[in-house]
Amino acid sequence: MAGKKLKTAYDFTWRDLEVGNILTEAGNASLRRTGDWRSERPILDKAKCNKCGLCWLYCPDAAIKVLEDGYYEPDLYYCKGCGICAKVCPREAITMIEEEEK
């Protein structure tokens, strides 16, 4: 292994996945930039947020991160835009908007 460079999350794209998007090694999903898959993205309105953490708890991809000020913010690097965070938010502080073309 000497001299062999380990790949990071920035080295992978969706094209590097196995057919059917099967992850063959435990824990290697963190090496994939999966946010490129989404068609909608969550937007947080901090004025409405009460920092309850339900979005973090229910996110199936652990794509919600806790900020230093106690708010929860979607990590768009991993978020697939499923909208579960917006559905479970009791204050309707998360809105799903259409992803823009890149």
N, C-alpha and C. Protein backbone atom coordinates (compact mmCIF):
# COMPACT_ATOMS: atom_id res chain seq x y z
N MET A 1 0.81 -1.20 0.00
CA MET A 1 0.00 0.00 0.00
C MET A 1 0.85 1.26 0.00
N ALA A 2 2.12 1.11 0.19
CA ALA A 2 2.99 2.28 0.21
C ALA A 2 2.91 3.01 -1.12
N GLY A 3 2.72 4.30 -1.07
CA GLY A 3 2.64 5.11 -2.27
C GLY A 3 1.26 5.19 -2.89
N LYS A 4 0.33 4.37 -2.42
CA LYS A 4 -1.02 4.39 -2.97
C LYS A 4 -1.85 5.45 -2.24
N LYS A 5 -2.40 6.40 -2.98
CA LYS A 5 -3.18 7.48 -2.39
C LYS A 5 -4.61 7.02 -2.11
N LEU A 6 -5.09 7.26 -0.89
CA LEU A 6 -6.47 6.94 -0.55
C LEU A 6 -7.40 7.96 -1.19
N LYS A 7 -8.53 7.48 -1.67
CA LYS A 7 -9.51 8.38 -2.28
C LYS A 7 -10.31 9.09 -1.19
N THR A 8 -10.72 10.30 -1.48
CA THR A 8 -11.57 11.06 -0.57
C THR A 8 -12.94 11.23 -1.23
N ALA A 9 -13.86 11.85 -0.53
CA ALA A 9 -15.20 12.09 -1.06
C ALA A 9 -15.15 12.90 -2.35
N TYR A 10 -14.17 13.74 -2.50
CA TYR A 10 -14.08 14.59 -3.69
C TYR A 10 -13.60 13.82 -4.92
N ASP A 11 -13.08 12.62 -4.72
CA ASP A 11 -12.57 11.83 -5.83
C ASP A 11 -13.63 10.95 -6.49
N PHE A 12 -14.82 10.85 -5.89
CA PHE A 12 -15.87 9.97 -6.39
C PHE A 12 -17.04 10.76 -6.97
N THR A 13 -17.70 10.20 -7.94
CA THR A 13 -18.97 10.73 -8.46
C THR A 13 -19.95 9.57 -8.56
N TRP A 14 -21.15 9.83 -8.96
CA TRP A 14 -22.16 8.77 -9.11
C TRP A 14 -21.72 7.76 -10.16
N ARG A 15 -20.87 8.15 -11.08
CA ARG A 15 -20.41 7.23 -12.13
C ARG A 15 -19.50 6.13 -11.58
N ASP A 16 -18.96 6.33 -10.39
CA ASP A 16 -18.06 5.35 -9.78
C ASP A 16 -18.79 4.25 -9.01
N LEU A 17 -20.09 4.38 -8.85
CA LEU A 17 -20.85 3.39 -8.09
C LEU A 17 -21.07 2.11 -8.90
N GLU A 18 -21.29 1.03 -8.18
CA GLU A 18 -21.64 -0.24 -8.81
C GLU A 18 -23.01 -0.12 -9.47
N VAL A 19 -23.31 -1.00 -10.41
CA VAL A 19 -24.62 -1.02 -11.04
C VAL A 19 -25.67 -1.20 -9.94
N GLY A 20 -26.71 -0.40 -9.98
CA GLY A 20 -27.75 -0.43 -8.95
C GLY A 20 -27.39 0.38 -7.73
N ASN A 21 -26.30 1.14 -7.80
CA ASN A 21 -25.83 1.98 -6.69
C ASN A 21 -25.59 1.18 -5.41
N ILE A 22 -25.09 -0.03 -5.57
CA ILE A 22 -24.81 -0.90 -4.43
C ILE A 22 -23.48 -0.49 -3.80
N LEU A 23 -23.50 -0.31 -2.49
CA LEU A 23 -22.28 0.00 -1.76
C LEU A 23 -21.70 -1.32 -1.25
N THR A 24 -20.51 -1.66 -1.70
CA THR A 24 -19.94 -2.98 -1.42
C THR A 24 -19.07 -3.03 -0.17
N GLU A 25 -18.71 -1.88 0.38
CA GLU A 25 -17.87 -1.85 1.58
C GLU A 25 -18.58 -1.03 2.66
N ALA A 26 -18.61 -1.55 3.86
CA ALA A 26 -19.25 -0.84 4.97
C ALA A 26 -18.58 0.51 5.19
N GLY A 27 -19.40 1.55 5.33
CA GLY A 27 -18.89 2.88 5.64
C GLY A 27 -18.40 3.68 4.45
N ASN A 28 -18.46 3.12 3.25
CA ASN A 28 -17.91 3.88 2.12
C ASN A 28 -18.89 4.88 1.52
N ALA A 29 -20.12 4.94 2.02
CA ALA A 29 -21.07 5.94 1.53
C ALA A 29 -20.60 7.35 1.85
N SER A 30 -19.83 7.49 2.93
CA SER A 30 -19.33 8.82 3.29
C SER A 30 -18.31 9.33 2.28
N LEU A 31 -17.84 8.47 1.39
CA LEU A 31 -16.88 8.87 0.37
C LEU A 31 -17.56 9.33 -0.92
N ARG A 32 -18.87 9.29 -0.96
CA ARG A 32 -19.61 9.61 -2.18
C ARG A 32 -20.30 10.96 -2.07
N ARG A 33 -20.23 11.74 -3.10
CA ARG A 33 -20.96 13.00 -3.15
C ARG A 33 -22.35 12.69 -3.70
N THR A 34 -23.27 12.40 -2.83
CA THR A 34 -24.59 11.94 -3.24
C THR A 34 -25.60 13.07 -3.39
N GLY A 35 -25.23 14.29 -3.01
CA GLY A 35 -26.14 15.42 -3.13
C GLY A 35 -26.45 15.79 -4.57
N ASP A 36 -25.63 15.34 -5.50
CA ASP A 36 -25.86 15.62 -6.91
C ASP A 36 -27.08 14.88 -7.46
N TRP A 37 -27.61 13.95 -6.72
CA TRP A 37 -28.73 13.13 -7.19
C TRP A 37 -30.07 13.83 -7.06
N ARG A 38 -30.17 14.82 -6.23
CA ARG A 38 -31.48 15.36 -5.88
C ARG A 38 -32.06 16.28 -6.95
N SER A 39 -33.39 16.38 -6.93
CA SER A 39 -34.09 17.31 -7.82
C SER A 39 -34.68 18.48 -7.02
N GLU A 40 -34.77 18.30 -5.69
CA GLU A 40 -35.22 19.37 -4.79
C GLU A 40 -34.25 19.46 -3.63
N ARG A 41 -34.14 20.66 -3.04
CA ARG A 41 -33.25 20.81 -1.89
C ARG A 41 -33.97 21.55 -0.77
N PRO A 42 -33.61 21.23 0.47
CA PRO A 42 -34.24 21.87 1.62
C PRO A 42 -33.61 23.23 1.93
N ILE A 43 -34.46 24.19 2.28
CA ILE A 43 -34.02 25.52 2.71
C ILE A 43 -34.56 25.74 4.11
N LEU A 44 -33.69 26.12 5.04
CA LEU A 44 -34.09 26.35 6.42
C LEU A 44 -34.37 27.82 6.67
N ASP A 45 -35.50 28.10 7.31
CA ASP A 45 -35.85 29.45 7.75
C ASP A 45 -35.58 29.49 9.26
N LYS A 46 -34.45 30.07 9.65
CA LYS A 46 -34.06 30.10 11.07
C LYS A 46 -35.06 30.86 11.93
N ALA A 47 -35.80 31.80 11.36
CA ALA A 47 -36.79 32.56 12.12
C ALA A 47 -37.92 31.66 12.62
N LYS A 48 -38.21 30.59 11.89
CA LYS A 48 -39.28 29.66 12.28
C LYS A 48 -38.75 28.48 13.11
N CYS A 49 -37.47 28.18 12.98
CA CYS A 49 -36.89 26.98 13.60
C CYS A 49 -36.82 27.12 15.12
N ASN A 50 -37.23 26.06 15.83
CA ASN A 50 -37.13 26.06 17.29
C ASN A 50 -36.03 25.12 17.79
N LYS A 51 -35.18 24.65 16.88
CA LYS A 51 -34.01 23.81 17.19
C LYS A 51 -34.41 22.48 17.85
N CYS A 52 -35.54 21.91 17.45
CA CYS A 52 -36.02 20.67 18.05
C CYS A 52 -35.21 19.45 17.63
N GLY A 53 -34.61 19.49 16.44
CA GLY A 53 -33.78 18.39 15.98
C GLY A 53 -34.51 17.25 15.30
N LEU A 54 -35.81 17.40 15.06
CA LEU A 54 -36.54 16.31 14.40
C LEU A 54 -36.02 16.07 12.98
N CYS A 55 -35.61 17.12 12.30
CA CYS A 55 -35.06 16.95 10.95
C CYS A 55 -33.81 16.08 11.01
N TRP A 56 -32.96 16.31 11.98
CA TRP A 56 -31.74 15.54 12.16
C TRP A 56 -32.06 14.08 12.50
N LEU A 57 -33.04 13.91 13.37
CA LEU A 57 -33.42 12.57 13.83
C LEU A 57 -33.99 11.71 12.70
N TYR A 58 -34.83 12.30 11.85
CA TYR A 58 -35.53 11.55 10.81
C TYR A 58 -34.77 11.45 9.49
N CYS A 59 -33.72 12.22 9.29
CA CYS A 59 -33.00 12.18 8.02
C CYS A 59 -32.41 10.79 7.79
N PRO A 60 -32.83 10.10 6.72
CA PRO A 60 -32.35 8.73 6.48
C PRO A 60 -30.89 8.66 6.04
N ASP A 61 -30.31 9.77 5.65
CA ASP A 61 -28.93 9.76 5.17
C ASP A 61 -27.96 10.49 6.09
N ALA A 62 -28.41 10.87 7.28
CA ALA A 62 -27.57 11.63 8.21
C ALA A 62 -26.97 12.84 7.51
N ALA A 63 -27.79 13.51 6.70
CA ALA A 63 -27.33 14.67 5.93
C ALA A 63 -27.69 15.99 6.60
N ILE A 64 -28.07 15.94 7.87
CA ILE A 64 -28.35 17.15 8.63
C ILE A 64 -27.22 17.33 9.64
N LYS A 65 -26.63 18.50 9.65
CA LYS A 65 -25.54 18.76 10.59
C LYS A 65 -25.98 19.80 11.62
N VAL A 66 -25.41 19.71 12.81
CA VAL A 66 -25.72 20.64 13.89
C VAL A 66 -24.70 21.78 13.82
N LEU A 67 -25.20 23.00 13.78
CA LEU A 67 -24.34 24.17 13.74
C LEU A 67 -23.98 24.61 15.16
N GLU A 68 -22.98 25.44 15.29
CA GLU A 68 -22.53 25.90 16.62
C GLU A 68 -23.62 26.66 17.37
N ASP A 69 -24.51 27.34 16.63
CA ASP A 69 -25.57 28.12 17.28
C ASP A 69 -26.80 27.27 17.64
N GLY A 70 -26.71 25.94 17.44
CA GLY A 70 -27.80 25.04 17.82
C GLY A 70 -28.81 24.75 16.74
N TYR A 71 -28.71 25.42 15.60
CA TYR A 71 -29.61 25.15 14.48
C TYR A 71 -29.14 23.90 13.74
N TYR A 72 -30.05 23.30 13.00
CA TYR A 72 -29.75 22.13 12.20
C TYR A 72 -29.81 22.54 10.73
N GLU A 73 -28.81 22.17 9.97
CA GLU A 73 -28.74 22.60 8.58
C GLU A 73 -28.48 21.41 7.67
N PRO A 74 -29.19 21.30 6.57
CA PRO A 74 -28.94 20.22 5.62
C PRO A 74 -27.54 20.36 5.01
N ASP A 75 -26.82 19.25 4.95
CA ASP A 75 -25.52 19.21 4.29
C ASP A 75 -25.79 18.84 2.83
N LEU A 76 -25.78 19.82 1.96
CA LEU A 76 -26.16 19.61 0.57
C LEU A 76 -25.16 18.73 -0.18
N TYR A 77 -24.03 18.45 0.41
CA TYR A 77 -23.06 17.53 -0.19
C TYR A 77 -23.62 16.11 -0.20
N TYR A 78 -24.42 15.77 0.84
CA TYR A 78 -24.98 14.42 0.97
C TYR A 78 -26.49 14.35 0.81
N CYS A 79 -27.20 15.45 1.00
CA CYS A 79 -28.67 15.45 0.95
C CYS A 79 -29.17 15.03 -0.43
N LYS A 80 -30.12 14.08 -0.43
CA LYS A 80 -30.68 13.59 -1.68
C LYS A 80 -32.03 14.22 -2.00
N GLY A 81 -32.49 15.13 -1.15
CA GLY A 81 -33.73 15.85 -1.44
C GLY A 81 -35.00 15.06 -1.23
N CYS A 82 -35.00 14.12 -0.31
CA CYS A 82 -36.19 13.30 -0.10
C CYS A 82 -37.35 14.10 0.51
N GLY A 83 -37.04 15.16 1.27
CA GLY A 83 -38.09 16.00 1.84
C GLY A 83 -38.63 15.55 3.18
N ILE A 84 -38.07 14.49 3.74
CA ILE A 84 -38.55 14.02 5.04
C ILE A 84 -38.36 15.09 6.10
N CYS A 85 -37.24 15.80 6.06
CA CYS A 85 -36.99 16.85 7.06
C CYS A 85 -38.09 17.91 7.02
N ALA A 86 -38.53 18.28 5.83
CA ALA A 86 -39.59 19.28 5.69
C ALA A 86 -40.92 18.75 6.20
N LYS A 87 -41.18 17.48 5.98
CA LYS A 87 -42.46 16.88 6.42
C LYS A 87 -42.55 16.77 7.93
N VAL A 88 -41.43 16.46 8.60
CA VAL A 88 -41.49 16.24 10.05
C VAL A 88 -41.31 17.52 10.86
N CYS A 89 -40.95 18.62 10.21
CA CYS A 89 -40.72 19.87 10.93
C CYS A 89 -42.04 20.43 11.47
N PRO A 90 -42.19 20.52 12.80
CA PRO A 90 -43.45 21.00 13.36
C PRO A 90 -43.70 22.49 13.14
N ARG A 91 -42.68 23.24 12.84
CA ARG A 91 -42.81 24.69 12.65
C ARG A 91 -42.79 25.08 11.18
N GLU A 92 -42.72 24.09 10.29
CA GLU A 92 -42.64 24.33 8.84
C GLU A 92 -41.49 25.28 8.50
N ALA A 93 -40.35 25.05 9.17
CA ALA A 93 -39.18 25.90 8.97
C ALA A 93 -38.33 25.44 7.79
N ILE A 94 -38.64 24.28 7.24
CA ILE A 94 -37.88 23.76 6.10
C ILE A 94 -38.80 23.69 4.89
N THR A 95 -38.34 24.28 3.82
CA THR A 95 -39.10 24.30 2.56
C THR A 95 -38.27 23.61 1.48
N MET A 96 -38.90 22.79 0.70
CA MET A 96 -38.22 22.14 -0.42
C MET A 96 -38.39 23.00 -1.67
N ILE A 97 -37.28 23.31 -2.32
CA ILE A 97 -37.33 24.09 -3.56
C ILE A 97 -36.66 23.29 -4.66
N GLU A 98 -37.06 23.57 -5.88
CA GLU A 98 -36.50 22.87 -7.03
C GLU A 98 -35.02 23.19 -7.18
N GLU A 99 -34.25 22.17 -7.43
CA GLU A 99 -32.81 22.34 -7.62
C GLU A 99 -32.54 23.04 -8.93
N GLU A 100 -31.58 23.92 -8.94
CA GLU A 100 -31.24 24.67 -10.14
C GLU A 100 -30.30 23.85 -11.03
N GLU A 101 -30.38 24.06 -12.33
CA GLU A 101 -29.45 23.43 -13.26
C GLU A 101 -28.05 23.94 -13.03
N LYS A 102 -27.08 23.07 -13.17
CA LYS A 102 -25.69 23.48 -12.99
C LYS A 102 -25.00 23.65 -14.32
